[in-house]
């Protein structure tokens, strides 16, 4: 059984930084795509970034390019989302999702079948 556990959300001031963690169990880390999504109140869920755990190829939504970095630590079965220069518009519930795959690339437009419970990120002064 594949399980996903996300964590690391917090209240942070504009311009600040935060690192989210996504621990995946039941999936060999070199055999899947891991993605971060976010949903702000009253808005549709948005794919933020993804990483292929074998190739380390990544993708980002335009609004976070240059500010967010996704990375993986296969030894810890964990994917991180390092967020910098945070803006109030980044406030949302962030959720991690996993998809077993043999592909070497990733997309937030794929269907992810395994989800974490979500972690709240609030950017406010």
C-alpha atoms as a PDB file:
ATOM      1  CA  UNK A   1       0.000   0.000   0.000  1.00  0.00           C
ATOM      2  CA  UNK A   2       1.478   3.297  -1.098  1.00  0.00           C
ATOM      3  CA  UNK A   3       1.207   6.055   1.508  1.00  0.00           C
ATOM      4  CA  UNK A   4       1.987   9.747   1.250  1.00  0.00           C
ATOM      5  CA  UNK A   5       2.584  12.046   4.204  1.00  0.00           C
ATOM      6  CA  UNK A   6       3.099  15.770   3.718  1.00  0.00           C
ATOM      7  CA  UNK A   7       4.200  18.249   6.346  1.00  0.00           C
ATOM      8  CA  UNK A   8       5.991  21.516   6.990  1.00  0.00           C
ATOM      9  CA  UNK A   9       3.292  24.127   6.548  1.00  0.00           C
ATOM     10  CA  UNK A  10       3.404  27.201   8.743  1.00  0.00           C
ATOM     11  CA  UNK A  11       2.692  30.911   9.026  1.00  0.00           C
ATOM     12  CA  UNK A  12       5.445  32.931   7.371  1.00  0.00           C
ATOM     13  CA  UNK A  13       5.919  36.601   6.553  1.00  0.00           C
ATOM     14  CA  UNK A  14       5.991  37.870   2.974  1.00  0.00           C
ATOM     15  CA  UNK A  15       9.457  37.418   1.541  1.00  0.00           C
ATOM     16  CA  UNK A  16      10.146  34.516   3.852  1.00  0.00           C
ATOM     17  CA  UNK A  17      11.016  30.908   3.156  1.00  0.00           C
ATOM     18  CA  UNK A  18       9.567  27.533   4.065  1.00  0.00           C
ATOM     19  CA  UNK A  19      10.354  23.916   3.241  1.00  0.00           C
ATOM     20  CA  UNK A  20       7.628  21.320   2.804  1.00  0.00           C
ATOM     21  CA  UNK A  21       8.317  17.592   3.061  1.00  0.00           C
ATOM     22  CA  UNK A  22       6.612  14.663   1.385  1.00  0.00           C
ATOM     23  CA  UNK A  23       7.459  11.215   2.694  1.00  0.00           C
ATOM     24  CA  UNK A  24       6.408   8.317   0.494  1.00  0.00           C
ATOM     25  CA  UNK A  25       6.230   4.737   1.677  1.00  0.00           C
ATOM     26  CA  UNK A  26       5.353   1.639  -0.285  1.00  0.00           C
ATOM     27  CA  UNK A  27       6.895   3.051  -3.496  1.00  0.00           C
ATOM     28  CA  UNK A  28      10.423   2.513  -4.624  1.00  0.00           C
ATOM     29  CA  UNK A  29      11.654   6.062  -4.868  1.00  0.00           C
ATOM     30  CA  UNK A  30      13.285   5.522  -8.229  1.00  0.00           C
ATOM     31  CA  UNK A  31      10.003   4.534  -9.813  1.00  0.00           C
ATOM     32  CA  UNK A  32       7.550   7.382  -9.626  1.00  0.00           C
ATOM     33  CA  UNK A  33       6.470  10.972 -10.017  1.00  0.00           C
ATOM     34  CA  UNK A  34       5.883  13.125  -6.963  1.00  0.00           C
ATOM     35  CA  UNK A  35       3.997  16.385  -7.271  1.00  0.00           C
ATOM     36  CA  UNK A  36       2.933  19.288  -5.113  1.00  0.00           C
ATOM     37  CA  UNK A  37      -0.481  20.870  -5.527  1.00  0.00           C
ATOM     38  CA  UNK A  38      -2.089  23.763  -3.720  1.00  0.00           C
ATOM     39  CA  UNK A  39      -5.600  24.998  -3.200  1.00  0.00           C
ATOM     40  CA  UNK A  40      -6.450  28.447  -1.922  1.00  0.00           C
ATOM     41  CA  UNK A  41      -9.882  29.252  -0.477  1.00  0.00           C
ATOM     42  CA  UNK A  42     -12.419  29.662  -3.242  1.00  0.00           C
ATOM     43  CA  UNK A  43      -9.988  28.594  -5.964  1.00  0.00           C
ATOM     44  CA  UNK A  44      -9.372  25.477  -8.000  1.00  0.00           C
ATOM     45  CA  UNK A  45      -6.557  23.148  -7.055  1.00  0.00           C
ATOM     46  CA  UNK A  46      -3.360  24.064  -8.888  1.00  0.00           C
ATOM     47  CA  UNK A  47      -0.364  21.938  -9.721  1.00  0.00           C
ATOM     48  CA  UNK A  48       2.777  23.657  -8.456  1.00  0.00           C
ATOM     49  CA  UNK A  49       5.696  21.381  -9.241  1.00  0.00           C
ATOM     50  CA  UNK A  50       6.677  17.792  -9.851  1.00  0.00           C
ATOM     51  CA  UNK A  51       9.763  15.612  -9.939  1.00  0.00           C
ATOM     52  CA  UNK A  52      10.557  12.256 -11.473  1.00  0.00           C
ATOM     53  CA  UNK A  53      12.336  10.254  -8.819  1.00  0.00           C
ATOM     54  CA  UNK A  54      14.534   8.338 -11.250  1.00  0.00           C
ATOM     55  CA  UNK A  55      15.688  11.075 -13.617  1.00  0.00           C
ATOM     56  CA  UNK A  56      15.193  14.042 -11.240  1.00  0.00           C
ATOM     57  CA  UNK A  57      13.566  15.920 -14.089  1.00  0.00           C
ATOM     58  CA  UNK A  58      11.308  18.630 -12.745  1.00  0.00           C
ATOM     59  CA  UNK A  59       8.528  20.961 -13.812  1.00  0.00           C
ATOM     60  CA  UNK A  60       7.119  24.126 -12.268  1.00  0.00           C
ATOM     61  CA  UNK A  61       4.065  26.279 -12.789  1.00  0.00           C
ATOM     62  CA  UNK A  62       5.084  29.703 -14.102  1.00  0.00           C
ATOM     63  CA  UNK A  63       4.023  31.565 -10.960  1.00  0.00           C
ATOM     64  CA  UNK A  64       6.646  29.797  -8.800  1.00  0.00           C
ATOM     65  CA  UNK A  65       9.559  29.501 -11.214  1.00  0.00           C
ATOM     66  CA  UNK A  66      12.682  31.002  -9.696  1.00  0.00           C
ATOM     67  CA  UNK A  67      11.160  30.940  -6.199  1.00  0.00           C
ATOM     68  CA  UNK A  68      10.362  27.268  -5.498  1.00  0.00           C
ATOM     69  CA  UNK A  69      12.709  24.295  -5.833  1.00  0.00           C
ATOM     70  CA  UNK A  70      11.618  20.667  -5.699  1.00  0.00           C
ATOM     71  CA  UNK A  71      14.156  18.017  -4.790  1.00  0.00           C
ATOM     72  CA  UNK A  72      14.336  14.424  -3.643  1.00  0.00           C
ATOM     73  CA  UNK A  73      16.254  12.333  -1.149  1.00  0.00           C
ATOM     74  CA  UNK A  74      15.817   8.749  -2.233  1.00  0.00           C
ATOM     75  CA  UNK A  75      17.555   7.408   0.876  1.00  0.00           C
ATOM     76  CA  UNK A  76      14.844   9.024   2.996  1.00  0.00           C
ATOM     77  CA  UNK A  77      12.013   8.375   0.516  1.00  0.00           C
ATOM     78  CA  UNK A  78      11.264  12.065   0.787  1.00  0.00           C
ATOM     79  CA  UNK A  79      10.614  14.890  -1.640  1.00  0.00           C
ATOM     80  CA  UNK A  80      11.024  18.500  -0.573  1.00  0.00           C
ATOM     81  CA  UNK A  81       9.542  21.750  -1.813  1.00  0.00           C
ATOM     82  CA  UNK A  82      11.775  24.658  -0.851  1.00  0.00           C
ATOM     83  CA  UNK A  83       9.756  27.852  -1.131  1.00  0.00           C
ATOM     84  CA  UNK A  84      11.425  31.264  -1.099  1.00  0.00           C
ATOM     85  CA  UNK A  85      10.317  34.862  -1.625  1.00  0.00           C
ATOM     86  CA  UNK A  86       6.874  33.835  -0.480  1.00  0.00           C
ATOM     87  CA  UNK A  87       3.953  36.076  -1.358  1.00  0.00           C
ATOM     88  CA  UNK A  88       0.472  36.334   0.175  1.00  0.00           C
ATOM     89  CA  UNK A  89      -0.808  34.779  -3.059  1.00  0.00           C
ATOM     90  CA  UNK A  90       1.069  31.578  -2.132  1.00  0.00           C
ATOM     91  CA  UNK A  91      -1.279  31.058   0.816  1.00  0.00           C
ATOM     92  CA  UNK A  92      -3.007  27.713   0.354  1.00  0.00           C
ATOM     93  CA  UNK A  93      -3.273  24.147   1.525  1.00  0.00           C
ATOM     94  CA  UNK A  94      -0.377  22.324  -0.104  1.00  0.00           C
ATOM     95  CA  UNK A  95      -0.759  18.619  -0.830  1.00  0.00           C
ATOM     96  CA  UNK A  96       1.740  16.081  -2.034  1.00  0.00           C
ATOM     97  CA  UNK A  97       0.745  13.349  -4.471  1.00  0.00           C
ATOM     98  CA  UNK A  98       2.471  10.293  -5.894  1.00  0.00           C
ATOM     99  CA  UNK A  99       2.194   8.268  -9.061  1.00  0.00           C
ATOM    100  CA  UNK A 100       4.109   5.071  -9.808  1.00  0.00           C
ATOM    101  CA  UNK A 101       5.510   5.249 -13.326  1.00  0.00           C
ATOM    102  CA  UNK A 102       8.265   3.982 -15.594  1.00  0.00           C
ATOM    103  CA  UNK A 103       8.404   7.321 -17.386  1.00  0.00           C
ATOM    104  CA  UNK A 104      11.409   9.594 -16.950  1.00  0.00           C
ATOM    105  CA  UNK A 105       9.509  12.875 -16.946  1.00  0.00           C
ATOM    106  CA  UNK A 106       6.643  14.344 -14.966  1.00  0.00           C
ATOM    107  CA  UNK A 107       3.713  16.704 -15.306  1.00  0.00           C
ATOM    108  CA  UNK A 108       1.284  18.182 -12.808  1.00  0.00           C
ATOM    109  CA  UNK A 109      -1.406  17.481 -15.410  1.00  0.00           C
ATOM    110  CA  UNK A 110      -1.074  13.726 -14.914  1.00  0.00           C
ATOM    111  CA  UNK A 111      -3.504  11.837 -12.726  1.00  0.00           C
ATOM    112  CA  UNK A 112      -2.000  11.175  -9.311  1.00  0.00           C
ATOM    113  CA  UNK A 113      -3.613   8.412  -7.322  1.00  0.00           C
ATOM    114  CA  UNK A 114      -2.044   8.753  -3.903  1.00  0.00           C
ATOM    115  CA  UNK A 115      -2.390  11.902  -1.819  1.00  0.00           C
ATOM    116  CA  UNK A 116      -1.216  13.321   1.462  1.00  0.00           C
ATOM    117  CA  UNK A 117      -3.603  14.997   3.865  1.00  0.00           C
ATOM    118  CA  UNK A 118      -2.408  18.522   3.069  1.00  0.00           C
ATOM    119  CA  UNK A 119      -0.493  21.120   5.033  1.00  0.00           C
ATOM    120  CA  UNK A 120      -1.448  24.783   5.470  1.00  0.00           C
ATOM    121  CA  UNK A 121       0.883  27.503   4.272  1.00  0.00           C
ATOM    122  CA  UNK A 122      -0.099  31.039   5.257  1.00  0.00           C
ATOM    123  CA  UNK A 123       1.899  34.019   4.060  1.00  0.00           C
ATOM    124  CA  UNK A 124       0.949  37.082   6.026  1.00  0.00           C
ATOM    125  CA  UNK A 125       2.471  39.913   8.010  1.00  0.00           C
END
